[in-house]
Amino acid sequence: MGFILQHSTTPVNVATRREGPRVDVGAQWRENGRMTTILSIQSSVAFGHVGNSAAAFTLMRMGVETYPVFTVHYSNTTGYGSWRGPVLSAQDVMDVVTGVDERGALAGVDAVLSGFQGSQEMGDAILDSVRLVKTRNPRAVYCCDPVMGDVGRGMYVAAGIPEFLRDTVAPAADIITPNQFELDFLTGRTTRTLDDLLAATDDMLAQGPSTVLVTSAVADDLDEQTISMLAATREEAWLVSTPRIDQVFTGSGDVTSAAFLAHVLSSGRVDVALKNTADIVYSILWATAQAGRRELALVSAQDEIVHPSHSFEARRVR
């Protein structure tokens, strides 16, 4: 089963480096005296950084209280061709979430984050968890990374999962973070220009989510030496572009969705969340490429999560 999250196939250019004092993008949680809390239901690996093995560390390093719930616990990503470890059942996931609820902790959860969903049963368990969290805290939001495929790879999840994500999960999400390939499937569109992307995000918003983040986006009318992210609500849309890096990264989508969710919760602004996410993700990928690593250099480059070395600006496109 392929649960490698969306990745960037992106050539190394020199990005803009920060000059002067670096901004601590995690300071806001310490300053307001309140701990943001996220329940993250995702895959896990012992070796490498994908799923919760990427998202939970990123969130914790940002100062976000994180309750990781595993859907699988593998030795490594399936991208190596072989792996070991258990696939947990939907009931296992519900048992863990129920146990957290029995501690009275779900009332303090601000958001649920989900990634790879290996089966419809697991997807149903995740949606049941979201409903339970929202019962305990009606202000909580659900952020879904609808992992299903990518350009050049096509669909890499079990049959029926893409349709389940489109028809059942996406309408239940408050925030959704598809890559461009996934956005096209979810909306039935083919996006080749920025206007196409904007029209597809409008279709996605009409399905239910209030915020859409499109990752790994390319368009005929955008610089071919860059790769972009587009964040949109019903009122506004913002674009940020970063230099391409000639390497495939597994787990970068998990870091992206985690960082974006955390910054949306903190700032309440998609432009701020988009800019900060681009800074963090590019800085980690750049450090990974410089180190010649296959797996994300998440631990050795952890300061990039709160003090990104590279800075980009989001521009309003609607």
C-alpha atoms as a PDB file:
ATOM      1  CA  MET A   1       0.000   0.000   0.000  1.00  0.00           C
ATOM      2  CA  GLY A   2       1.403   3.382  -0.908  1.00  0.00           C
ATOM      3  CA  PHE A   3       1.097   5.996   1.779  1.00  0.00           C
ATOM      4  CA  ILE A   4       3.964   8.229   0.701  1.00  0.00           C
ATOM      5  CA  LEU A   5       2.581  11.710   0.859  1.00  0.00           C
ATOM      6  CA  GLN A   6       2.678  14.219  -1.930  1.00  0.00           C
ATOM      7  CA  HIS A   7       6.182  15.189  -2.871  1.00  0.00           C
ATOM      8  CA  SER A   8       7.969  17.837  -4.852  1.00  0.00           C
ATOM      9  CA  THR A   9       9.820  16.843  -7.985  1.00  0.00           C
ATOM     10  CA  THR A  10      11.520  20.074  -8.008  1.00  0.00           C
ATOM     11  CA  PRO A  11      15.763  21.419  -9.970  1.00  0.00           C
ATOM     12  CA  VAL A  12      18.337  23.186  -6.940  1.00  0.00           C
ATOM     13  CA  ASN A  13      18.243  26.955  -7.439  1.00  0.00           C
ATOM     14  CA  VAL A  14      19.523  29.409  -4.879  1.00  0.00           C
ATOM     15  CA  ALA A  15      16.599  30.850  -2.950  1.00  0.00           C
ATOM     16  CA  THR A  16      16.424  34.179  -1.176  1.00  0.00           C
ATOM     17  CA  ARG A  17      18.196  33.911   2.147  1.00  0.00           C
ATOM     18  CA  ARG A  18      17.022  35.916   5.136  1.00  0.00           C
ATOM     19  CA  GLU A  19      19.152  38.917   6.015  1.00  0.00           C
ATOM     20  CA  GLY A  20      19.447  40.170   9.591  1.00  0.00           C
ATOM     21  CA  PRO A  21      17.704  38.667  12.632  1.00  0.00           C
ATOM     22  CA  ARG A  22      15.596  35.637  11.918  1.00  0.00           C
ATOM     23  CA  VAL A  23      11.915  35.672  12.861  1.00  0.00           C
ATOM     24  CA  ASP A  24      10.763  33.060  15.346  1.00  0.00           C
ATOM     25  CA  VAL A  25       7.567  31.839  13.702  1.00  0.00           C
ATOM     26  CA  GLY A  26       6.662  29.773  16.770  1.00  0.00           C
ATOM     27  CA  ALA A  27       6.759  32.694  19.194  1.00  0.00           C
ATOM     28  CA  GLN A  28       3.058  33.481  18.823  1.00  0.00           C
ATOM     29  CA  TRP A  29       2.037  30.354  20.760  1.00  0.00           C
ATOM     30  CA  ARG A  30       4.307  31.232  23.669  1.00  0.00           C
ATOM     31  CA  GLU A  31       3.288  34.882  23.700  1.00  0.00           C
ATOM     32  CA  ASN A  32      -0.461  34.360  23.940  1.00  0.00           C
ATOM     33  CA  GLY A  33      -0.078  31.883  26.784  1.00  0.00           C
ATOM     34  CA  ARG A  34      -2.366  29.328  25.151  1.00  0.00           C
ATOM     35  CA  MET A  35      -1.267  26.004  23.745  1.00  0.00           C
ATOM     36  CA  THR A  36      -2.735  25.170  20.353  1.00  0.00           C
ATOM     37  CA  THR A  37      -3.656  21.456  20.255  1.00  0.00           C
ATOM     38  CA  ILE A  38      -4.004  19.218  17.187  1.00  0.00           C
ATOM     39  CA  LEU A  39      -5.149  15.595  16.972  1.00  0.00           C
ATOM     40  CA  SER A  40      -3.174  14.124  14.054  1.00  0.00           C
ATOM     41  CA  ILE A  41      -4.410  10.810  12.593  1.00  0.00           C
ATOM     42  CA  GLN A  42      -1.831   9.538  10.121  1.00  0.00           C
ATOM     43  CA  SER A  43       0.629   6.811   9.227  1.00  0.00           C
ATOM     44  CA  SER A  44       3.892   6.352  11.116  1.00  0.00           C
ATOM     45  CA  VAL A  45       7.333   4.982  10.283  1.00  0.00           C
ATOM     46  CA  ALA A  46      10.274   4.114  12.511  1.00  0.00           C
ATOM     47  CA  PHE A  47      12.885   5.073   9.900  1.00  0.00           C
ATOM     48  CA  GLY A  48      12.384   8.304   7.995  1.00  0.00           C
ATOM     49  CA  HIS A  49       9.845  11.089   8.195  1.00  0.00           C
ATOM     50  CA  VAL A  50       6.419  10.674   6.608  1.00  0.00           C
ATOM     51  CA  GLY A  51       2.897  10.838   8.011  1.00  0.00           C
ATOM     52  CA  ASN A  52       2.898  11.496  11.734  1.00  0.00           C
ATOM     53  CA  SER A  53       6.643  10.863  11.780  1.00  0.00           C
ATOM     54  CA  ALA A  54       6.897  14.168   9.913  1.00  0.00           C
ATOM     55  CA  ALA A  55       3.796  16.084  10.970  1.00  0.00           C
ATOM     56  CA  ALA A  56       3.923  15.471  14.726  1.00  0.00           C
ATOM     57  CA  PHE A  57       7.571  16.517  15.033  1.00  0.00           C
ATOM     58  CA  THR A  58       6.942  19.634  12.959  1.00  0.00           C
ATOM     59  CA  LEU A  59       3.957  20.644  15.073  1.00  0.00           C
ATOM     60  CA  MET A  60       5.701  19.975  18.377  1.00  0.00           C
ATOM     61  CA  ARG A  61       8.774  21.956  17.278  1.00  0.00           C
ATOM     62  CA  MET A  62       6.421  24.848  16.516  1.00  0.00           C
ATOM     63  CA  GLY A  63       5.101  24.687  20.059  1.00  0.00           C
ATOM     64  CA  VAL A  64       1.824  22.965  19.189  1.00  0.00           C
ATOM     65  CA  GLU A  65       0.511  20.286  21.555  1.00  0.00           C
ATOM     66  CA  THR A  66       0.048  17.223  19.355  1.00  0.00           C
ATOM     67  CA  TYR A  67      -1.833  13.983  19.937  1.00  0.00           C
ATOM     68  CA  PRO A  68      -0.545  11.547  17.267  1.00  0.00           C
ATOM     69  CA  VAL A  69      -2.801   8.620  16.379  1.00  0.00           C
ATOM     70  CA  PHE A  70      -1.289   6.016  14.044  1.00  0.00           C
ATOM     71  CA  THR A  71      -3.081   4.268  11.178  1.00  0.00           C
ATOM     72  CA  VAL A  72      -0.060   2.063  10.383  1.00  0.00           C
ATOM     73  CA  HIS A  73       3.329   1.676  11.994  1.00  0.00           C
ATOM     74  CA  TYR A  74       5.869   0.619   9.398  1.00  0.00           C
ATOM     75  CA  SER A  75       9.621   0.192   9.477  1.00  0.00           C
ATOM     76  CA  ASN A  76       9.997   2.648   6.581  1.00  0.00           C
ATOM     77  CA  THR A  77       8.070   4.163   3.686  1.00  0.00           C
ATOM     78  CA  THR A  78       6.740   1.874   0.988  1.00  0.00           C
ATOM     79  CA  GLY A  79       8.896   3.750  -1.506  1.00  0.00           C
ATOM     80  CA  TYR A  80      11.788   1.425  -0.634  1.00  0.00           C
ATOM     81  CA  GLY A  81       9.849  -1.492  -2.112  1.00  0.00           C
ATOM     82  CA  SER A  82       9.802  -3.520   1.103  1.00  0.00           C
ATOM     83  CA  TRP A  83       8.723  -2.732   4.626  1.00  0.00           C
ATOM     84  CA  ARG A  84       7.540  -4.390   7.813  1.00  0.00           C
ATOM     85  CA  GLY A  85       5.086  -3.524  10.526  1.00  0.00           C
ATOM     86  CA  PRO A  86       1.389  -3.546  11.348  1.00  0.00           C
ATOM     87  CA  VAL A  87      -1.578  -1.964   9.654  1.00  0.00           C
ATOM     88  CA  LEU A  88      -3.847  -0.815  12.464  1.00  0.00           C
ATOM     89  CA  SER A  89      -7.588  -1.281  12.173  1.00  0.00           C
ATOM     90  CA  ALA A  90     -10.263   1.378  12.147  1.00  0.00           C
ATOM     91  CA  GLN A  91     -11.322   0.074  15.567  1.00  0.00           C
ATOM     92  CA  ASP A  92      -7.754   0.525  16.853  1.00  0.00           C
ATOM     93  CA  VAL A  93      -7.887   4.166  15.820  1.00  0.00           C
ATOM     94  CA  MET A  94     -11.276   4.680  17.458  1.00  0.00           C
ATOM     95  CA  ASP A  95     -10.053   2.981  20.628  1.00  0.00           C
ATOM     96  CA  VAL A  96      -7.121   5.397  20.880  1.00  0.00           C
ATOM     97  CA  VAL A  97      -9.284   8.455  20.190  1.00  0.00           C
ATOM     98  CA  THR A  98     -11.882   7.211  22.682  1.00  0.00           C
ATOM     99  CA  GLY A  99      -9.164   6.760  25.293  1.00  0.00           C
ATOM    100  CA  VAL A 100      -8.009  10.347  24.754  1.00  0.00           C
ATOM    101  CA  ASP A 101     -11.625  11.451  25.107  1.00  0.00           C
ATOM    102  CA  GLU A 102     -11.903   9.550  28.377  1.00  0.00           C
ATOM    103  CA  ARG A 103      -9.128  11.746  29.722  1.00  0.00           C
ATOM    104  CA  GLY A 104     -11.289  14.785  28.901  1.00  0.00           C
ATOM    105  CA  ALA A 105      -8.669  16.001  26.431  1.00  0.00           C
ATOM    106  CA  LEU A 106     -10.745  16.340  23.258  1.00  0.00           C
ATOM    107  CA  ALA A 107     -12.443  19.481  24.566  1.00  0.00           C
ATOM    108  CA  GLY A 108      -9.094  21.217  24.210  1.00  0.00           C
ATOM    109  CA  VAL A 109      -8.413  20.049  20.651  1.00  0.00           C
ATOM    110  CA  ASP A 110      -8.432  22.906  18.132  1.00  0.00           C
ATOM    111  CA  ALA A 111      -8.162  20.784  14.997  1.00  0.00           C
ATOM    112  CA  VAL A 112      -8.001  17.284  13.567  1.00  0.00           C
ATOM    113  CA  LEU A 113      -5.386  16.641  10.874  1.00  0.00           C
ATOM    114  CA  SER A 114      -5.510  13.575   8.633  1.00  0.00           C
ATOM    115  CA  GLY A 115      -3.347  12.261   5.806  1.00  0.00           C
ATOM    116  CA  PHE A 116      -3.244   8.903   4.053  1.00  0.00           C
ATOM    117  CA  GLN A 117      -6.455   6.882   4.443  1.00  0.00           C
ATOM    118  CA  GLY A 118      -5.789   3.278   3.508  1.00  0.00           C
ATOM    119  CA  SER A 119      -9.398   2.113   3.397  1.00  0.00           C
ATOM    120  CA  GLN A 120     -12.924   3.424   3.522  1.00  0.00           C
ATOM    121  CA  GLU A 121     -13.242   1.902   7.009  1.00  0.00           C
ATOM    122  CA  MET A 122     -10.269   3.963   8.169  1.00  0.00           C
ATOM    123  CA  GLY A 123     -11.743   7.036   6.518  1.00  0.00           C
ATOM    124  CA  ASP A 124     -15.010   6.474   8.324  1.00  0.00           C
ATOM    125  CA  ALA A 125     -13.131   6.159  11.628  1.00  0.00           C
ATOM    126  CA  ILE A 126     -11.348   9.440  10.957  1.00  0.00           C
ATOM    127  CA  LEU A 127     -14.641  11.180  10.198  1.00  0.00           C
ATOM    128  CA  ASP A 128     -16.157   9.680  13.361  1.00  0.00           C
ATOM    129  CA  SER A 129     -13.174  11.087  15.281  1.00  0.00           C
ATOM    130  CA  VAL A 130     -13.749  14.493  13.722  1.00  0.00           C
ATOM    131  CA  ARG A 131     -17.415  14.418  14.749  1.00  0.00           C
ATOM    132  CA  LEU A 132     -16.472  13.457  18.296  1.00  0.00           C
ATOM    133  CA  VAL A 133     -13.918  16.262  18.552  1.00  0.00           C
ATOM    134  CA  LYS A 134     -16.427  18.777  17.209  1.00  0.00           C
ATOM    135  CA  THR A 135     -18.982  17.549  19.740  1.00  0.00           C
ATOM    136  CA  ARG A 136     -16.490  18.253  22.522  1.00  0.00           C
ATOM    137  CA  ASN A 137     -15.308  21.537  20.963  1.00  0.00           C
ATOM    138  CA  PRO A 138     -17.664  23.010  18.329  1.00  0.00           C
ATOM    139  CA  ARG A 139     -14.968  25.495  17.258  1.00  0.00           C
ATOM    140  CA  ALA A 140     -12.566  22.737  16.218  1.00  0.00           C
ATOM    141  CA  VAL A 141     -11.735  22.391  12.521  1.00  0.00           C
ATOM    142  CA  TYR A 142     -10.858  19.431  10.316  1.00  0.00           C
ATOM    143  CA  CYS A 143      -7.872  19.661   7.966  1.00  0.00           C
ATOM    144  CA  CYS A 144      -7.662  16.876   5.375  1.00  0.00           C
ATOM    145  CA  ASP A 145      -4.671  16.128   3.186  1.00  0.00           C
ATOM    146  CA  PRO A 146      -6.465  14.040   0.518  1.00  0.00           C
ATOM    147  CA  VAL A 147      -3.582  11.748  -0.361  1.00  0.00           C
ATOM    148  CA  MET A 148      -4.307   9.727  -3.484  1.00  0.00           C
ATOM    149  CA  GLY A 149      -1.761  10.386  -6.239  1.00  0.00           C
ATOM    150  CA  ASP A 150       0.570  12.740  -8.052  1.00  0.00           C
ATOM    151  CA  VAL A 151       1.751  13.798 -11.491  1.00  0.00           C
ATOM    152  CA  GLY A 152       3.889  11.088 -13.071  1.00  0.00           C
ATOM    153  CA  ARG A 153       2.659   8.428 -10.661  1.00  0.00           C
ATOM    154  CA  GLY A 154      -1.074   8.526 -11.117  1.00  0.00           C
ATOM    155  CA  MET A 155      -3.239   7.124  -8.339  1.00  0.00           C
ATOM    156  CA  TYR A 156      -1.340   5.092  -5.752  1.00  0.00           C
ATOM    157  CA  VAL A 157      -4.089   4.311  -3.250  1.00  0.00           C
ATOM    158  CA  ALA A 158      -6.544   1.422  -3.134  1.00  0.00           C
ATOM    159  CA  ALA A 159      -9.452   1.349  -5.563  1.00  0.00           C
ATOM    160  CA  GLY A 160     -12.395   3.383  -4.310  1.00  0.00           C
ATOM    161  CA  ILE A 161     -10.349   5.667  -2.033  1.00  0.00           C
ATOM    162  CA  PRO A 162     -10.190   8.612  -4.491  1.00  0.00           C
ATOM    163  CA  GLU A 163     -13.956   8.556  -4.925  1.00  0.00           C
ATOM    164  CA  PHE A 164     -14.465   8.225  -1.157  1.00  0.00           C
ATOM    165  CA  LEU A 165     -12.213  11.234  -0.567  1.00  0.00           C
ATOM    166  CA  ARG A 166     -14.062  13.233  -3.216  1.00  0.00           C
ATOM    167  CA  ASP A 167     -17.617  12.331  -2.315  1.00  0.00           C
ATOM    168  CA  THR A 168     -17.486  11.862   1.468  1.00  0.00           C
ATOM    169  CA  VAL A 169     -14.334  13.285   3.040  1.00  0.00           C
ATOM    170  CA  ALA A 170     -13.810  16.526   1.113  1.00  0.00           C
ATOM    171  CA  PRO A 171     -17.298  17.893   1.906  1.00  0.00           C
ATOM    172  CA  ALA A 172     -16.624  17.274   5.625  1.00  0.00           C
ATOM    173  CA  ALA A 173     -13.295  19.125   5.657  1.00  0.00           C
ATOM    174  CA  ASP A 174     -12.887  22.719   6.784  1.00  0.00           C
ATOM    175  CA  ILE A 175      -9.388  22.933   5.305  1.00  0.00           C
ATOM    176  CA  ILE A 176      -8.196  20.711   2.459  1.00  0.00           C
ATOM    177  CA  THR A 177      -4.643  20.517   1.084  1.00  0.00           C
ATOM    178  CA  PRO A 178      -4.540  18.649  -2.255  1.00  0.00           C
ATOM    179  CA  ASN A 179      -1.643  18.730  -4.652  1.00  0.00           C
ATOM    180  CA  GLN A 180      -2.488  19.857  -8.175  1.00  0.00           C
ATOM    181  CA  PHE A 181      -3.088  16.313  -9.437  1.00  0.00           C
ATOM    182  CA  GLU A 182      -5.484  15.652  -6.556  1.00  0.00           C
ATOM    183  CA  LEU A 183      -7.231  19.002  -7.048  1.00  0.00           C
ATOM    184  CA  ASP A 184      -7.930  18.099 -10.686  1.00  0.00           C
ATOM    185  CA  PHE A 185      -9.484  14.786  -9.665  1.00  0.00           C
ATOM    186  CA  LEU A 186     -11.538  16.246  -6.831  1.00  0.00           C
ATOM    187  CA  THR A 187     -13.007  18.938  -9.086  1.00  0.00           C
ATOM    188  CA  GLY A 188     -13.107  17.101 -12.429  1.00  0.00           C
ATOM    189  CA  ARG A 189     -10.945  19.798 -14.009  1.00  0.00           C
ATOM    190  CA  THR A 190      -7.655  19.980 -15.892  1.00  0.00           C
ATOM    191  CA  THR A 191      -5.617  22.918 -14.600  1.00  0.00           C
ATOM    192  CA  ARG A 192      -2.986  24.421 -16.891  1.00  0.00           C
ATOM    193  CA  THR A 193      -3.058  28.126 -16.005  1.00  0.00           C
ATOM    194  CA  LEU A 194      -3.385  30.200 -12.866  1.00  0.00           C
ATOM    195  CA  ASP A 195      -6.975  31.019 -13.825  1.00  0.00           C
ATOM    196  CA  ASP A 196      -7.638  27.276 -14.138  1.00  0.00           C
ATOM    197  CA  LEU A 197      -6.249  26.762 -10.634  1.00  0.00           C
ATOM    198  CA  LEU A 198      -8.398  29.559  -9.249  1.00  0.00           C
ATOM    199  CA  ALA A 199     -11.505  28.130 -10.900  1.00  0.00           C
ATOM    200  CA  ALA A 200     -10.726  24.676  -9.485  1.00  0.00           C
ATOM    201  CA  THR A 201     -10.249  26.068  -5.969  1.00  0.00           C
ATOM    202  CA  ASP A 202     -13.635  27.784  -6.300  1.00  0.00           C
ATOM    203  CA  ASP A 203     -15.163  24.418  -7.191  1.00  0.00           C
ATOM    204  CA  MET A 204     -13.394  22.849  -4.222  1.00  0.00           C
ATOM    205  CA  LEU A 205     -14.698  25.557  -1.891  1.00  0.00           C
ATOM    206  CA  ALA A 206     -18.213  25.001  -3.213  1.00  0.00           C
ATOM    207  CA  GLN A 207     -18.019  21.379  -2.050  1.00  0.00           C
ATOM    208  CA  GLY A 208     -17.732  22.417   1.602  1.00  0.00           C
ATOM    209  CA  PRO A 209     -14.228  23.402   2.755  1.00  0.00           C
ATOM    210  CA  SER A 210     -13.695  27.025   3.761  1.00  0.00           C
ATOM    211  CA  THR A 211      -9.971  27.008   2.906  1.00  0.00           C
ATOM    212  CA  VAL A 212      -8.040  25.253   0.143  1.00  0.00           C
ATOM    213  CA  LEU A 213      -4.268  24.939  -0.072  1.00  0.00           C
ATOM    214  CA  VAL A 214      -2.995  23.635  -3.417  1.00  0.00           C
ATOM    215  CA  THR A 215       0.552  22.288  -3.248  1.00  0.00           C
ATOM    216  CA  SER A 216       3.102  21.383  -5.939  1.00  0.00           C
ATOM    217  CA  ALA A 217       1.310  23.615  -8.437  1.00  0.00           C
ATOM    218  CA  VAL A 218       2.689  24.469 -11.871  1.00  0.00           C
ATOM    219  CA  ALA A 219       1.044  26.479 -14.645  1.00  0.00           C
ATOM    220  CA  ASP A 220       1.845  27.585 -18.164  1.00  0.00           C
ATOM    221  CA  ASP A 221       1.719  31.235 -17.122  1.00  0.00           C
ATOM    222  CA  LEU A 222       3.937  30.832 -14.027  1.00  0.00           C
ATOM    223  CA  ASP A 223       7.752  30.756 -13.999  1.00  0.00           C
ATOM    224  CA  GLU A 224       8.807  27.251 -15.070  1.00  0.00           C
ATOM    225  CA  GLN A 225      11.811  27.434 -12.734  1.00  0.00           C
ATOM    226  CA  THR A 226       9.528  27.623  -9.713  1.00  0.00           C
ATOM    227  CA  ILE A 227       6.893  25.507  -8.013  1.00  0.00           C
ATOM    228  CA  SER A 228       3.947  27.176  -6.323  1.00  0.00           C
ATOM    229  CA  MET A 229       1.361  26.881  -3.593  1.00  0.00           C
ATOM    230  CA  LEU A 230      -2.036  28.533  -3.821  1.00  0.00           C
ATOM    231  CA  ALA A 231      -4.174  29.256  -0.761  1.00  0.00           C
ATOM    232  CA  ALA A 232      -7.770  30.325  -1.246  1.00  0.00           C
ATOM    233  CA  THR A 233     -10.926  31.106   0.661  1.00  0.00           C
ATOM    234  CA  ARG A 234     -14.222  32.371  -0.740  1.00  0.00           C
ATOM    235  CA  GLU A 235     -12.975  35.940  -0.242  1.00  0.00           C
ATOM    236  CA  GLU A 236      -9.333  35.840  -1.316  1.00  0.00           C
ATOM    237  CA  ALA A 237      -6.548  33.839  -2.940  1.00  0.00           C
ATOM    238  CA  TRP A 238      -2.781  34.053  -2.501  1.00  0.00           C
ATOM    239  CA  LEU A 239       0.128  32.512  -4.409  1.00  0.00           C
ATOM    240  CA  VAL A 240       3.707  31.854  -3.341  1.00  0.00           C
ATOM    241  CA  SER A 241       6.418  30.424  -5.600  1.00  0.00           C
ATOM    242  CA  THR A 242       9.747  28.863  -4.606  1.00  0.00           C
ATOM    243  CA  PRO A 243      12.708  27.662  -6.701  1.00  0.00           C
ATOM    244  CA  ARG A 244      12.588  24.099  -7.963  1.00  0.00           C
ATOM    245  CA  ILE A 245      14.841  21.521  -6.325  1.00  0.00           C
ATOM    246  CA  ASP A 246      15.864  18.524  -8.420  1.00  0.00           C
ATOM    247  CA  GLN A 247      14.937  15.825  -5.933  1.00  0.00           C
ATOM    248  CA  VAL A 248      11.926  13.780  -4.858  1.00  0.00           C
ATOM    249  CA  PHE A 249      10.992  14.310  -1.215  1.00  0.00           C
ATOM    250  CA  THR A 250       8.731  11.958   0.713  1.00  0.00           C
ATOM    251  CA  GLY A 251       6.989  13.518   3.668  1.00  0.00           C
ATOM    252  CA  SER A 252       7.147  17.095   2.411  1.00  0.00           C
ATOM    253  CA  GLY A 253       3.368  17.140   1.995  1.00  0.00           C
ATOM    254  CA  ASP A 254       2.938  16.075   5.630  1.00  0.00           C
ATOM    255  CA  VAL A 255       5.147  18.926   6.816  1.00  0.00           C
ATOM    256  CA  THR A 256       3.265  21.316   4.538  1.00  0.00           C
ATOM    257  CA  SER A 257      -0.240  20.458   5.751  1.00  0.00           C
ATOM    258  CA  ALA A 258       0.881  20.464   9.396  1.00  0.00           C
ATOM    259  CA  ALA A 259       2.632  23.826   9.175  1.00  0.00           C
ATOM    260  CA  PHE A 260      -0.198  25.427   7.210  1.00  0.00           C
ATOM    261  CA  LEU A 261      -2.865  24.225   9.649  1.00  0.00           C
ATOM    262  CA  ALA A 262      -0.877  25.435  12.636  1.00  0.00           C
ATOM    263  CA  HIS A 263      -0.356  28.873  11.125  1.00  0.00           C
ATOM    264  CA  VAL A 264      -3.985  29.218  10.076  1.00  0.00           C
ATOM    265  CA  LEU A 265      -4.998  28.447  13.651  1.00  0.00           C
ATOM    266  CA  SER A 266      -2.468  30.898  15.020  1.00  0.00           C
ATOM    267  CA  SER A 267      -2.924  33.839  12.660  1.00  0.00           C
ATOM    268  CA  GLY A 268      -6.411  33.364  11.224  1.00  0.00           C
ATOM    269  CA  ARG A 269      -4.952  34.574   7.909  1.00  0.00           C
ATOM    270  CA  VAL A 270      -4.300  32.389   4.880  1.00  0.00           C
ATOM    271  CA  ASP A 271      -1.692  34.781   3.443  1.00  0.00           C
ATOM    272  CA  VAL A 272       0.376  34.645   6.631  1.00  0.00           C
ATOM    273  CA  ALA A 273      -0.047  30.880   6.865  1.00  0.00           C
ATOM    274  CA  LEU A 274       0.952  30.418   3.211  1.00  0.00           C
ATOM    275  CA  LYS A 275       4.056  32.595   3.474  1.00  0.00           C
ATOM    276  CA  ASN A 276       5.238  30.978   6.702  1.00  0.00           C
ATOM    277  CA  THR A 277       4.597  27.486   5.342  1.00  0.00           C
ATOM    278  CA  ALA A 278       6.570  28.185   2.171  1.00  0.00           C
ATOM    279  CA  ASP A 279       9.486  29.512   4.233  1.00  0.00           C
ATOM    280  CA  ILE A 280       9.518  26.431   6.463  1.00  0.00           C
ATOM    281  CA  VAL A 281       9.063  23.767   3.801  1.00  0.00           C
ATOM    282  CA  TYR A 282      11.525  25.195   1.302  1.00  0.00           C
ATOM    283  CA  SER A 283      14.148  25.713   4.016  1.00  0.00           C
ATOM    284  CA  ILE A 284      13.826  22.069   5.135  1.00  0.00           C
ATOM    285  CA  LEU A 285      13.945  20.761   1.558  1.00  0.00           C
ATOM    286  CA  TRP A 286      16.942  22.962   0.758  1.00  0.00           C
ATOM    287  CA  ALA A 287      18.780  21.679   3.843  1.00  0.00           C
ATOM    288  CA  THR A 288      17.893  18.091   2.907  1.00  0.00           C
ATOM    289  CA  ALA A 289      19.196  18.548  -0.643  1.00  0.00           C
ATOM    290  CA  GLN A 290      22.382  20.205   0.587  1.00  0.00           C
ATOM    291  CA  ALA A 291      22.982  17.279   2.936  1.00  0.00           C
ATOM    292  CA  GLY A 292      22.462  14.749   0.137  1.00  0.00           C
ATOM    293  CA  ARG A 293      19.764  13.022   2.139  1.00  0.00           C
ATOM    294  CA  ARG A 294      16.985  10.839   0.751  1.00  0.00           C
ATOM    295  CA  GLU A 295      14.854  11.181   3.879  1.00  0.00           C
ATOM    296  CA  LEU A 296      13.923  14.657   5.110  1.00  0.00           C
ATOM    297  CA  ALA A 297      16.639  16.155   7.317  1.00  0.00           C
ATOM    298  CA  LEU A 298      13.888  17.045   9.739  1.00  0.00           C
ATOM    299  CA  VAL A 299      15.812  16.614  12.977  1.00  0.00           C
ATOM    300  CA  SER A 300      19.153  18.104  11.914  1.00  0.00           C
ATOM    301  CA  ALA A 301      17.331  20.993  10.194  1.00  0.00           C
ATOM    302  CA  GLN A 302      14.691  21.429  12.898  1.00  0.00           C
ATOM    303  CA  ASP A 303      15.598  25.062  13.523  1.00  0.00           C
ATOM    304  CA  GLU A 304      14.275  25.769  10.031  1.00  0.00           C
ATOM    305  CA  ILE A 305      10.799  25.055  11.408  1.00  0.00           C
ATOM    306  CA  VAL A 306      10.923  28.078  13.713  1.00  0.00           C
ATOM    307  CA  HIS A 307      13.763  30.104  12.139  1.00  0.00           C
ATOM    308  CA  PRO A 308      13.501  29.507   8.364  1.00  0.00           C
ATOM    309  CA  SER A 309      16.645  30.431   6.456  1.00  0.00           C
ATOM    310  CA  HIS A 310      14.727  31.338   3.307  1.00  0.00           C
ATOM    311  CA  SER A 311      11.993  33.908   2.910  1.00  0.00           C
ATOM    312  CA  PHE A 312       9.301  34.265   0.260  1.00  0.00           C
ATOM    313  CA  GLU A 313       6.411  36.633  -0.253  1.00  0.00           C
ATOM    314  CA  ALA A 314       2.834  35.640  -0.971  1.00  0.00           C
ATOM    315  CA  ARG A 315       1.070  37.754  -3.591  1.00  0.00           C
ATOM    316  CA  ARG A 316      -2.656  38.226  -3.813  1.00  0.00           C
ATOM    317  CA  VAL A 317      -4.162  36.783  -6.992  1.00  0.00           C
ATOM    318  CA  ARG A 318      -7.824  37.344  -6.162  1.00  0.00           C
END
